[in-house]
Amino acid sequence: QTREHALLAYTLGVKQLICAVNKMDSTSPQYSESRYNEIRKEVSTYIKKIGYNPVSVPFMPISGWVGDNMLEESSNMPWFKC
């Protein structure tokens, strides 16, 4: 689904993206920095193939269910600074 959305956005002429890495509360262990980095690397590789510059795409780890990093910085992910 992420790949389809990125390709569609590029096809429609969207110039700027932000990538929210959701469900960080569901990683093992919870709020895993290594899992976030793994996803970030994989998505960066794909969006580069589409035509985006991954250096200019901000990534943010979030938990929509818990609300982490949605409106305020999360104490559950001290390794991430906005």
PDB file of N, CA and C in Angstrom:
ATOM      1  N   GLN A   1       0.823  -1.193   0.000  1.00  0.00           N
ATOM      2  CA  GLN A   1       0.000   0.000   0.000  1.00  0.00           C
ATOM      3  C   GLN A   1       0.872   1.263   0.000  1.00  0.00           C
ATOM      4  N   THR A   2       1.946   1.257   0.760  1.00  0.00           N
ATOM      5  CA  THR A   2       2.861   2.397   0.796  1.00  0.00           C
ATOM      6  C   THR A   2       3.435   2.662  -0.589  1.00  0.00           C
ATOM      7  N   ARG A   3       3.819   1.599  -1.260  1.00  0.00           N
ATOM      8  CA  ARG A   3       4.406   1.742  -2.595  1.00  0.00           C
ATOM      9  C   ARG A   3       3.393   2.314  -3.579  1.00  0.00           C
ATOM     10  N   GLU A   4       2.171   1.820  -3.498  1.00  0.00           N
ATOM     11  CA  GLU A   4       1.121   2.317  -4.390  1.00  0.00           C
ATOM     12  C   GLU A   4       0.854   3.796  -4.143  1.00  0.00           C
ATOM     13  N   HIS A   5       0.802   4.196  -2.883  1.00  0.00           N
ATOM     14  CA  HIS A   5       0.541   5.601  -2.560  1.00  0.00           C
ATOM     15  C   HIS A   5       1.680   6.499  -3.028  1.00  0.00           C
ATOM     16  N   ALA A   6       2.914   6.069  -2.839  1.00  0.00           N
ATOM     17  CA  ALA A   6       4.061   6.867  -3.268  1.00  0.00           C
ATOM     18  C   ALA A   6       4.082   7.013  -4.791  1.00  0.00           C
ATOM     19  N   LEU A   7       3.830   5.931  -5.494  1.00  0.00           N
ATOM     20  CA  LEU A   7       3.805   5.975  -6.958  1.00  0.00           C
ATOM     21  C   LEU A   7       2.672   6.857  -7.459  1.00  0.00           C
ATOM     22  N   LEU A   8       1.510   6.733  -6.867  1.00  0.00           N
ATOM     23  CA  LEU A   8       0.369   7.561  -7.249  1.00  0.00           C
ATOM     24  C   LEU A   8       0.661   9.039  -6.987  1.00  0.00           C
ATOM     25  N   ALA A   9       1.238   9.344  -5.845  1.00  0.00           N
ATOM     26  CA  ALA A   9       1.575  10.733  -5.512  1.00  0.00           C
ATOM     27  C   ALA A   9       2.538  11.308  -6.544  1.00  0.00           C
ATOM     28  N   TYR A  10       3.557  10.536  -6.904  1.00  0.00           N
ATOM     29  CA  TYR A  10       4.535  11.012  -7.885  1.00  0.00           C
ATOM     30  C   TYR A  10       3.877  11.202  -9.251  1.00  0.00           C
ATOM     31  N   THR A  11       3.057  10.258  -9.642  1.00  0.00           N
ATOM     32  CA  THR A  11       2.354  10.330 -10.929  1.00  0.00           C
ATOM     33  C   THR A  11       1.447  11.551 -11.001  1.00  0.00           C
ATOM     34  N   LEU A  12       0.835  11.904  -9.875  1.00  0.00           N
ATOM     35  CA  LEU A  12      -0.062  13.062  -9.825  1.00  0.00           C
ATOM     36  C   LEU A  12       0.677  14.384  -9.636  1.00  0.00           C
ATOM     37  N   GLY A  13       2.001  14.326  -9.541  1.00  0.00           N
ATOM     38  CA  GLY A  13       2.790  15.544  -9.467  1.00  0.00           C
ATOM     39  C   GLY A  13       3.058  16.073  -8.071  1.00  0.00           C
ATOM     40  N   VAL A  14       2.835  15.262  -7.056  1.00  0.00           N
ATOM     41  CA  VAL A  14       3.128  15.697  -5.682  1.00  0.00           C
ATOM     42  C   VAL A  14       4.639  15.842  -5.539  1.00  0.00           C
ATOM     43  N   LYS A  15       5.082  17.031  -5.121  1.00  0.00           N
ATOM     44  CA  LYS A  15       6.512  17.328  -5.045  1.00  0.00           C
ATOM     45  C   LYS A  15       7.116  17.039  -3.677  1.00  0.00           C
ATOM     46  N   GLN A  16       6.315  17.149  -2.630  1.00  0.00           N
ATOM     47  CA  GLN A  16       6.839  16.956  -1.277  1.00  0.00           C
ATOM     48  C   GLN A  16       6.085  15.844  -0.567  1.00  0.00           C
ATOM     49  N   LEU A  17       6.832  15.037   0.172  1.00  0.00           N
ATOM     50  CA  LEU A  17       6.251  13.952   0.960  1.00  0.00           C
ATOM     51  C   LEU A  17       6.709  14.062   2.403  1.00  0.00           C
ATOM     52  N   ILE A  18       5.946  13.465   3.281  1.00  0.00           N
ATOM     53  CA  ILE A  18       6.392  13.172   4.636  1.00  0.00           C
ATOM     54  C   ILE A  18       5.998  11.725   4.876  1.00  0.00           C
ATOM     55  N   CYS A  19       6.865  10.974   5.480  1.00  0.00           N
ATOM     56  CA  CYS A  19       6.590   9.563   5.714  1.00  0.00           C
ATOM     57  C   CYS A  19       6.439   9.319   7.212  1.00  0.00           C
ATOM     58  N   ALA A  20       5.236   8.965   7.625  1.00  0.00           N
ATOM     59  CA  ALA A  20       4.966   8.625   9.019  1.00  0.00           C
ATOM     60  C   ALA A  20       5.053   7.107   9.166  1.00  0.00           C
ATOM     61  N   VAL A  21       5.988   6.659   9.974  1.00  0.00           N
ATOM     62  CA  VAL A  21       6.148   5.228  10.234  1.00  0.00           C
ATOM     63  C   VAL A  21       5.247   4.893  11.415  1.00  0.00           C
ATOM     64  N   ASN A  22       4.089   4.328  11.114  1.00  0.00           N
ATOM     65  CA  ASN A  22       3.049   4.092  12.119  1.00  0.00           C
ATOM     66  C   ASN A  22       3.242   2.745  12.831  1.00  0.00           C
ATOM     67  N   LYS A  23       2.467   2.557  13.869  1.00  0.00           N
ATOM     68  CA  LYS A  23       2.408   1.317  14.653  1.00  0.00           C
ATOM     69  C   LYS A  23       3.709   1.018  15.386  1.00  0.00           C
ATOM     70  N   MET A  24       4.408   2.060  15.808  1.00  0.00           N
ATOM     71  CA  MET A  24       5.641   1.854  16.555  1.00  0.00           C
ATOM     72  C   MET A  24       5.380   1.158  17.889  1.00  0.00           C
ATOM     73  N   ASP A  25       4.164   1.248  18.387  1.00  0.00           N
ATOM     74  CA  ASP A  25       3.807   0.548  19.626  1.00  0.00           C
ATOM     75  C   ASP A  25       3.660  -0.954  19.406  1.00  0.00           C
ATOM     76  N   SER A  26       3.632  -1.385  18.144  1.00  0.00           N
ATOM     77  CA  SER A  26       3.449  -2.806  17.821  1.00  0.00           C
ATOM     78  C   SER A  26       4.741  -3.504  17.425  1.00  0.00           C
ATOM     79  N   THR A  27       5.863  -2.787  17.426  1.00  0.00           N
ATOM     80  CA  THR A  27       7.125  -3.421  17.061  1.00  0.00           C
ATOM     81  C   THR A  27       7.589  -4.304  18.211  1.00  0.00           C
ATOM     82  N   SER A  28       8.549  -5.160  17.928  1.00  0.00           N
ATOM     83  CA  SER A  28       9.087  -6.025  18.978  1.00  0.00           C
ATOM     84  C   SER A  28      10.587  -5.807  19.071  1.00  0.00           C
ATOM     85  N   PRO A  29      11.073  -5.194  20.129  1.00  0.00           N
ATOM     86  CA  PRO A  29      10.337  -4.645  21.274  1.00  0.00           C
ATOM     87  C   PRO A  29       9.583  -3.373  20.872  1.00  0.00           C
ATOM     88  N   GLN A  30       8.684  -2.938  21.729  1.00  0.00           N
ATOM     89  CA  GLN A  30       7.904  -1.735  21.428  1.00  0.00           C
ATOM     90  C   GLN A  30       8.830  -0.549  21.194  1.00  0.00           C
ATOM     91  N   TYR A  31       8.452   0.301  20.243  1.00  0.00           N
ATOM     92  CA  TYR A  31       9.152   1.547  19.934  1.00  0.00           C
ATOM     93  C   TYR A  31      10.618   1.298  19.554  1.00  0.00           C
ATOM     94  N   SER A  32      10.837   0.275  18.757  1.00  0.00           N
ATOM     95  CA  SER A  32      12.181  -0.152  18.379  1.00  0.00           C
ATOM     96  C   SER A  32      12.820   0.793  17.362  1.00  0.00           C
ATOM     97  N   GLU A  33      13.935   1.382  17.750  1.00  0.00           N
ATOM     98  CA  GLU A  33      14.673   2.271  16.845  1.00  0.00           C
ATOM     99  C   GLU A  33      15.222   1.490  15.655  1.00  0.00           C
ATOM    100  N   SER A  34      15.687   0.276  15.887  1.00  0.00           N
ATOM    101  CA  SER A  34      16.239  -0.514  14.784  1.00  0.00           C
ATOM    102  C   SER A  34      15.162  -0.866  13.757  1.00  0.00           C
ATOM    103  N   ARG A  35      13.959  -1.159  14.211  1.00  0.00           N
ATOM    104  CA  ARG A  35      12.863  -1.449  13.272  1.00  0.00           C
ATOM    105  C   ARG A  35      12.496  -0.202  12.476  1.00  0.00           C
ATOM    106  N   TYR A  36      12.450   0.945  13.143  1.00  0.00           N
ATOM    107  CA  TYR A  36      12.186   2.218  12.464  1.00  0.00           C
ATOM    108  C   TYR A  36      13.235   2.455  11.375  1.00  0.00           C
ATOM    109  N   ASN A  37      14.510   2.270  11.708  1.00  0.00           N
ATOM    110  CA  ASN A  37      15.585   2.491  10.736  1.00  0.00           C
ATOM    111  C   ASN A  37      15.497   1.516   9.566  1.00  0.00           C
ATOM    112  N   GLU A  38      15.097   0.285   9.851  1.00  0.00           N
ATOM    113  CA  GLU A  38      14.920  -0.718   8.800  1.00  0.00           C
ATOM    114  C   GLU A  38      13.822  -0.289   7.819  1.00  0.00           C
ATOM    115  N   ILE A  39      12.700   0.160   8.347  1.00  0.00           N
ATOM    116  CA  ILE A  39      11.587   0.613   7.504  1.00  0.00           C
ATOM    117  C   ILE A  39      11.990   1.859   6.732  1.00  0.00           C
ATOM    118  N   ARG A  40      12.651   2.772   7.396  1.00  0.00           N
ATOM    119  CA  ARG A  40      13.095   4.011   6.751  1.00  0.00           C
ATOM    120  C   ARG A  40      14.010   3.703   5.561  1.00  0.00           C
ATOM    121  N   LYS A  41      14.940   2.785   5.748  1.00  0.00           N
ATOM    122  CA  LYS A  41      15.868   2.419   4.678  1.00  0.00           C
ATOM    123  C   LYS A  41      15.126   1.789   3.498  1.00  0.00           C
ATOM    124  N   GLU A  42      14.205   0.882   3.799  1.00  0.00           N
ATOM    125  CA  GLU A  42      13.445   0.199   2.749  1.00  0.00           C
ATOM    126  C   GLU A  42      12.581   1.180   1.954  1.00  0.00           C
ATOM    127  N   VAL A  43      11.879   2.058   2.647  1.00  0.00           N
ATOM    128  CA  VAL A  43      11.013   3.031   1.973  1.00  0.00           C
ATOM    129  C   VAL A  43      11.856   4.036   1.187  1.00  0.00           C
ATOM    130  N   SER A  44      12.985   4.453   1.739  1.00  0.00           N
ATOM    131  CA  SER A  44      13.872   5.395   1.042  1.00  0.00           C
ATOM    132  C   SER A  44      14.349   4.820  -0.285  1.00  0.00           C
ATOM    133  N   THR A  45      14.716   3.557  -0.273  1.00  0.00           N
ATOM    134  CA  THR A  45      15.160   2.887  -1.501  1.00  0.00           C
ATOM    135  C   THR A  45      14.052   2.898  -2.547  1.00  0.00           C
ATOM    136  N   TYR A  46      12.840   2.610  -2.121  1.00  0.00           N
ATOM    137  CA  TYR A  46      11.728   2.555  -3.064  1.00  0.00           C
ATOM    138  C   TYR A  46      11.371   3.931  -3.612  1.00  0.00           C
ATOM    139  N   ILE A  47      11.268   4.937  -2.744  1.00  0.00           N
ATOM    140  CA  ILE A  47      10.861   6.256  -3.245  1.00  0.00           C
ATOM    141  C   ILE A  47      11.938   6.869  -4.141  1.00  0.00           C
ATOM    142  N   LYS A  48      13.189   6.461  -3.943  1.00  0.00           N
ATOM    143  CA  LYS A  48      14.257   6.923  -4.832  1.00  0.00           C
ATOM    144  C   LYS A  48      14.057   6.350  -6.233  1.00  0.00           C
ATOM    145  N   LYS A  49      13.661   5.089  -6.315  1.00  0.00           N
ATOM    146  CA  LYS A  49      13.404   4.454  -7.614  1.00  0.00           C
ATOM    147  C   LYS A  49      12.258   5.142  -8.350  1.00  0.00           C
ATOM    148  N   ILE A  50      11.280   5.634  -7.594  1.00  0.00           N
ATOM    149  CA  ILE A  50      10.138   6.319  -8.203  1.00  0.00           C
ATOM    150  C   ILE A  50      10.553   7.670  -8.774  1.00  0.00           C
ATOM    151  N   GLY A  51      11.465   8.365  -8.076  1.00  0.00           N
ATOM    152  CA  GLY A  51      11.887   9.681  -8.543  1.00  0.00           C
ATOM    153  C   GLY A  51      12.017  10.726  -7.456  1.00  0.00           C
ATOM    154  N   TYR A  52      11.668  10.365  -6.219  1.00  0.00           N
ATOM    155  CA  TYR A  52      11.825  11.297  -5.103  1.00  0.00           C
ATOM    156  C   TYR A  52      13.255  11.247  -4.574  1.00  0.00           C
ATOM    157  N   ASN A  53      13.678  12.352  -3.959  1.00  0.00           N
ATOM    158  CA  ASN A  53      14.974  12.390  -3.288  1.00  0.00           C
ATOM    159  C   ASN A  53      14.736  12.046  -1.815  1.00  0.00           C
ATOM    160  N   PRO A  54      15.140  10.855  -1.361  1.00  0.00           N
ATOM    161  CA  PRO A  54      14.849  10.446   0.015  1.00  0.00           C
ATOM    162  C   PRO A  54      15.480  11.345   1.074  1.00  0.00           C
ATOM    163  N   VAL A  55      16.530  12.066   0.719  1.00  0.00           N
ATOM    164  CA  VAL A  55      17.164  12.984   1.671  1.00  0.00           C
ATOM    165  C   VAL A  55      16.215  14.124   2.028  1.00  0.00           C
ATOM    166  N   SER A  56      15.347  14.498   1.096  1.00  0.00           N
ATOM    167  CA  SER A  56      14.431  15.617   1.337  1.00  0.00           C
ATOM    168  C   SER A  56      13.070  15.171   1.881  1.00  0.00           C
ATOM    169  N   VAL A  57      12.899  13.873   2.118  1.00  0.00           N
ATOM    170  CA  VAL A  57      11.633  13.355   2.653  1.00  0.00           C
ATOM    171  C   VAL A  57      11.793  13.116   4.157  1.00  0.00           C
ATOM    172  N   PRO A  58      11.077  13.889   4.976  1.00  0.00           N
ATOM    173  CA  PRO A  58      11.170  13.653   6.421  1.00  0.00           C
ATOM    174  C   PRO A  58      10.421  12.385   6.829  1.00  0.00           C
ATOM    175  N   PHE A  59      11.034  11.624   7.707  1.00  0.00           N
ATOM    176  CA  PHE A  59      10.429  10.419   8.268  1.00  0.00           C
ATOM    177  C   PHE A  59      10.153  10.672   9.741  1.00  0.00           C
ATOM    178  N   MET A  60       9.037  10.129  10.226  1.00  0.00           N
ATOM    179  CA  MET A  60       8.674  10.325  11.626  1.00  0.00           C
ATOM    180  C   MET A  60       8.038   9.054  12.178  1.00  0.00           C
ATOM    181  N   PRO A  61       8.576   8.523  13.276  1.00  0.00           N
ATOM    182  CA  PRO A  61       7.949   7.362  13.905  1.00  0.00           C
ATOM    183  C   PRO A  61       6.750   7.807  14.728  1.00  0.00           C
ATOM    184  N   ILE A  62       5.624   7.133  14.539  1.00  0.00           N
ATOM    185  CA  ILE A  62       4.410   7.508  15.276  1.00  0.00           C
ATOM    186  C   ILE A  62       3.663   6.263  15.751  1.00  0.00           C
ATOM    187  N   SER A  63       2.735   6.483  16.635  1.00  0.00           N
ATOM    188  CA  SER A  63       1.732   5.478  16.981  1.00  0.00           C
ATOM    189  C   SER A  63       0.398   6.187  16.953  1.00  0.00           C
ATOM    190  N   GLY A  64      -0.370   5.943  15.918  1.00  0.00           N
ATOM    191  CA  GLY A  64      -1.682   6.568  15.803  1.00  0.00           C
ATOM    192  C   GLY A  64      -2.631   6.102  16.893  1.00  0.00           C
ATOM    193  N   TRP A  65      -2.491   4.842  17.295  1.00  0.00           N
ATOM    194  CA  TRP A  65      -3.380   4.282  18.312  1.00  0.00           C
ATOM    195  C   TRP A  65      -3.148   4.933  19.675  1.00  0.00           C
ATOM    196  N   VAL A  66      -1.870   5.057  20.053  1.00  0.00           N
ATOM    197  CA  VAL A  66      -1.509   5.615  21.357  1.00  0.00           C
ATOM    198  C   VAL A  66      -1.396   7.141  21.287  1.00  0.00           C
ATOM    199  N   GLY A  67      -1.087   7.655  20.097  1.00  0.00           N
ATOM    200  CA  GLY A  67      -0.942   9.099  19.915  1.00  0.00           C
ATOM    201  C   GLY A  67       0.489   9.585  20.020  1.00  0.00           C
ATOM    202  N   ASP A  68       1.445   8.669  20.036  1.00  0.00           N
ATOM    203  CA  ASP A  68       2.853   9.046  20.150  1.00  0.00           C
ATOM    204  C   ASP A  68       3.329   9.829  18.933  1.00  0.00           C
ATOM    205  N   ASN A  69       3.970  10.962  19.195  1.00  0.00           N
ATOM    206  CA  ASN A  69       4.534  11.850  18.167  1.00  0.00           C
ATOM    207  C   ASN A  69       3.480  12.406  17.212  1.00  0.00           C
ATOM    208  N   MET A  70       2.235  12.386  17.624  1.00  0.00           N
ATOM    209  CA  MET A  70       1.178  12.942  16.776  1.00  0.00           C
ATOM    210  C   MET A  70       1.068  14.455  16.976  1.00  0.00           C
ATOM    211  N   LEU A  71       0.966  14.878  18.206  1.00  0.00           N
ATOM    212  CA  LEU A  71       0.858  16.306  18.519  1.00  0.00           C
ATOM    213  C   LEU A  71       2.028  16.795  19.361  1.00  0.00           C
ATOM    214  N   GLU A  72       2.585  15.901  20.135  1.00  0.00           N
ATOM    215  CA  GLU A  72       3.706  16.233  21.015  1.00  0.00           C
ATOM    216  C   GLU A  72       4.763  15.143  20.909  1.00  0.00           C
ATOM    217  N   GLU A  73       6.003  15.504  21.268  1.00  0.00           N
ATOM    218  CA  GLU A  73       7.066  14.507  21.292  1.00  0.00           C
ATOM    219  C   GLU A  73       6.708  13.388  22.252  1.00  0.00           C
ATOM    220  N   SER A  74       7.068  12.180  21.883  1.00  0.00           N
ATOM    221  CA  SER A  74       6.752  11.014  22.702  1.00  0.00           C
ATOM    222  C   SER A  74       7.922  10.649  23.606  1.00  0.00           C
ATOM    223  N   SER A  75       7.626  10.395  24.855  1.00  0.00           N
ATOM    224  CA  SER A  75       8.659   9.923  25.783  1.00  0.00           C
ATOM    225  C   SER A  75       8.994   8.454  25.522  1.00  0.00           C
ATOM    226  N   ASN A  76       8.175   7.772  24.715  1.00  0.00           N
ATOM    227  CA  ASN A  76       8.433   6.370  24.376  1.00  0.00           C
ATOM    228  C   ASN A  76       9.504   6.210  23.302  1.00  0.00           C
ATOM    229  N   MET A  77       9.856   7.312  22.632  1.00  0.00           N
ATOM    230  CA  MET A  77      10.879   7.256  21.584  1.00  0.00           C
ATOM    231  C   MET A  77      11.904   8.366  21.802  1.00  0.00           C
ATOM    232  N   PRO A  78      12.661   8.290  22.905  1.00  0.00           N
ATOM    233  CA  PRO A  78      13.631   9.347  23.196  1.00  0.00           C
ATOM    234  C   PRO A  78      14.754   9.422  22.165  1.00  0.00           C
ATOM    235  N   TRP A  79      14.925   8.374  21.393  1.00  0.00           N
ATOM    236  CA  TRP A  79      15.954   8.335  20.363  1.00  0.00           C
ATOM    237  C   TRP A  79      15.585   9.181  19.146  1.00  0.00           C
ATOM    238  N   PHE A  80      14.337   9.617  19.029  1.00  0.00           N
ATOM    239  CA  PHE A  80      13.913  10.446  17.892  1.00  0.00           C
ATOM    240  C   PHE A  80      13.681  11.877  18.339  1.00  0.00           C
ATOM    241  N   LYS A  81      14.327  12.805  17.650  1.00  0.00           N
ATOM    242  CA  LYS A  81      14.136  14.234  17.925  1.00  0.00           C
ATOM    243  C   LYS A  81      13.556  14.904  16.688  1.00  0.00           C
ATOM    244  N   CYS A  82      12.515  15.666  16.903  1.00  0.00           N
ATOM    245  CA  CYS A  82      11.842  16.374  15.802  1.00  0.00           C
ATOM    246  C   CYS A  82      12.730  17.450  15.222  1.00  0.00           C
TER     247      CYS A  82
END
